[in-house]
Amino acid sequence: MKLFLQDLEERFLRSHLPPDQIILDDYDVMKMLKISKRKLADMRAKRQIKFHPTAKKPVEYRGYRDGKPVKVKGTRGGKNYYTLQSVLDYVQSITVDPISNQVNL
C-alpha cells in the first residue's frame, strides 16, 4: 500500500498541481485502484468515494413501434469525474494498520 501511495505521489508531484485540482475520469480511477467498472459503480452508490457527475443527456427516440416510442441504442448517461484528493481520501479510509501495531507484546 505504501508503494502504491508513493508511486501516486511521485507521479502527480511532477504535474505541480495540488491533488484537489487534478481531475480523473472513471477509467483513470479504475486503473489506479485496479478495480472493475462494477466495483466503482458500487462505491459511488454507497457514497464511499466523492464524484462529480456531468449532466445526463436527454433520451433520444428514433420513432414509434406499436404505438410506443423506441429508444436509440447506445445512449447513456453523463460521465463521472473524480479529484485525486477524493481517491486518496478513499484509499486512506480503507487502509488498515498491521496487527503488530495494534497488539502490545
Protein backbone atom coordinates (compact mmCIF):
# COMPACT_ATOMS: atom_id res chain seq x y z
CA MET A 1 0.00 0.00 0.00
CA LYS A 2 2.84 2.38 0.83
CA LEU A 3 4.41 1.67 -2.55
CA PHE A 4 1.11 2.50 -4.25
CA LEU A 5 0.79 5.82 -2.41
CA GLN A 6 4.43 6.70 -3.06
CA ASP A 7 4.01 5.96 -6.75
CA LEU A 8 0.90 8.16 -6.90
CA GLU A 9 2.57 10.97 -5.04
CA GLU A 10 5.67 10.81 -7.24
CA ARG A 11 3.66 10.74 -10.46
CA PHE A 12 1.41 13.67 -9.59
CA LEU A 13 4.04 15.81 -7.91
CA ARG A 14 5.56 16.20 -11.35
CA SER A 15 2.37 17.90 -12.50
CA HIS A 16 2.86 20.78 -9.99
CA LEU A 17 -0.83 20.85 -9.09
CA PRO A 18 -2.43 20.14 -5.72
CA PRO A 19 -4.44 16.87 -5.51
CA ASP A 20 -7.78 18.69 -5.35
CA GLN A 21 -7.12 20.22 -8.80
CA ILE A 22 -6.20 17.02 -10.63
CA ILE A 23 -9.27 15.64 -12.41
CA LEU A 24 -9.66 11.93 -13.13
CA ASP A 25 -12.36 10.06 -15.01
CA ASP A 26 -13.77 6.56 -14.46
CA TYR A 27 -11.04 4.84 -16.46
CA ASP A 28 -8.24 6.59 -14.56
CA VAL A 29 -9.70 5.65 -11.18
CA MET A 30 -10.33 2.02 -12.21
CA LYS A 31 -6.77 1.70 -13.47
CA MET A 32 -5.31 3.43 -10.41
CA LEU A 33 -7.22 1.33 -7.85
CA LYS A 34 -7.19 -1.84 -10.00
CA ILE A 35 -10.94 -2.34 -9.70
CA SER A 36 -13.73 -3.15 -12.14
CA LYS A 37 -16.35 -0.82 -13.53
CA ARG A 38 -19.00 -2.53 -11.40
CA LYS A 39 -16.95 -2.09 -8.18
CA LEU A 40 -16.54 1.62 -8.93
CA ALA A 41 -20.29 1.93 -9.53
CA ASP A 42 -20.94 0.21 -6.18
CA MET A 43 -18.52 2.60 -4.45
CA ARG A 44 -20.40 5.55 -5.94
CA ALA A 45 -23.78 4.11 -4.92
CA LYS A 46 -22.56 3.60 -1.34
CA ARG A 47 -21.01 7.09 -1.36
CA GLN A 48 -17.60 5.68 -0.45
CA ILE A 49 -15.86 7.94 -2.97
CA LYS A 50 -16.74 11.51 -3.91
CA PHE A 51 -17.56 12.08 -7.57
CA HIS A 52 -18.89 14.82 -9.81
CA PRO A 53 -21.40 13.66 -12.44
CA THR A 54 -21.95 15.58 -15.65
CA ALA A 55 -25.44 16.33 -16.87
CA LYS A 56 -27.25 13.37 -18.37
CA LYS A 57 -28.23 13.53 -22.00
CA PRO A 58 -31.94 13.51 -22.74
CA VAL A 59 -33.20 10.18 -24.05
CA GLU A 60 -33.41 10.15 -27.82
CA TYR A 61 -36.14 8.29 -29.67
CA ARG A 62 -35.86 7.03 -33.23
CA GLY A 63 -39.54 6.52 -33.85
CA TYR A 64 -42.53 4.51 -32.75
CA ARG A 65 -43.28 0.79 -32.82
CA ASP A 66 -46.73 -0.49 -31.89
CA GLY A 67 -47.61 2.96 -30.60
CA LYS A 68 -44.65 3.07 -28.17
CA PRO A 69 -41.51 5.20 -28.57
CA VAL A 70 -38.32 3.27 -29.42
CA LYS A 71 -35.07 4.49 -27.83
CA VAL A 72 -31.91 5.00 -29.85
CA LYS A 73 -29.38 2.31 -28.94
CA GLY A 74 -26.06 3.35 -27.46
CA THR A 75 -27.29 6.32 -25.46
CA ARG A 76 -26.02 6.55 -21.91
CA GLY A 77 -25.95 8.95 -19.03
CA GLY A 78 -23.30 11.54 -18.34
CA LYS A 79 -19.71 10.94 -17.36
CA ASN A 80 -18.35 10.89 -13.81
CA TYR A 81 -15.26 12.76 -12.71
CA TYR A 82 -13.19 12.48 -9.53
CA THR A 83 -10.45 14.57 -7.95
CA LEU A 84 -7.21 12.93 -6.96
CA GLN A 85 -7.88 14.11 -3.41
CA SER A 86 -11.14 12.12 -3.25
CA VAL A 87 -9.32 8.98 -4.44
CA LEU A 88 -6.57 9.49 -1.85
CA ASP A 89 -9.20 10.04 0.87
CA TYR A 90 -10.87 6.76 -0.10
CA VAL A 91 -7.56 4.87 -0.01
CA GLN A 92 -6.75 6.29 3.43
CA SER A 93 -10.22 5.39 4.73
CA ILE A 94 -9.81 1.71 3.81
CA THR A 95 -6.20 1.36 4.94
CA VAL A 96 -5.83 -0.99 7.91
CA ASP A 97 -2.92 -0.87 10.35
CA PRO A 98 -0.91 -4.08 10.67
CA ILE A 99 -1.83 -6.24 13.63
CA SER A 100 1.69 -5.85 15.02
CA ASN A 101 0.95 -2.15 15.57
CA GLN A 102 -2.32 -2.93 17.35
CA VAL A 103 -1.08 -5.57 19.81
CA ASN A 104 1.44 -4.83 22.54
CA LEU A 105 3.60 -7.86 23.17
